[in-house]
Amino acid sequence: MKAKFLILSVFLSASSVLAQSSSEMPAADSFDLVGLSPEDQTPLGKFTTAAEVGPILEMTKANWLAVREYDGQDLVYFSHILSWRCGLIAAKFSINGEPLQVLQMPECHMKFQQPNVLIDDEPLLAFRRYELGSVQSVRMDILLDDLTVKSVTIDRSDMLIP
């Protein structure tokens, strides 16, 4: 059991270092926090609070985004962020340094055992289409429900998937 934990720790540390080595940008101006207050951080065991999802997202920054060349287009995937959206208030992204755009996220499905599940047409929110070869970098800013902001910018070569 200790060996599995050690291997997982090394993997997550390497992912975090890779994401940090990308050109991170400050995210303080990404979200208007006026009128917001932190949510209750009591862990429910369903990964629906910043206390539960924040450490996972921090350790997996290198996996927040993916780009795939498919059918003559660049597809930018936000699947990882959507999978951990419970515990987030909002998310924004920027392609190639353009202005930030809001990432639409479905509500958490608290009536299910796995509130982060994507149902019905929600998986269609997991990606955006762009001209083939046009996506060189993507910045992702997230606002957790404890009002902390995390940000990463990842270059194409570090997020390109088959």
Foldseek 3Di string as FASTA:
>chain_A
DVVVVVVVVVVLQVQLVQQVPADWDDCPPVDDCPPAAFDDQDDPVQLQACVRCVVVCNSRVLAQWAWECDPQWIKIFRVVCLLNVRQFPWKWKDFPPDDIDTQDHDFFPVVDSHRSDQDDCRVVSGIDIHGPPRGFKMKMWIQGRNRDIDITIDGNVSRYDD
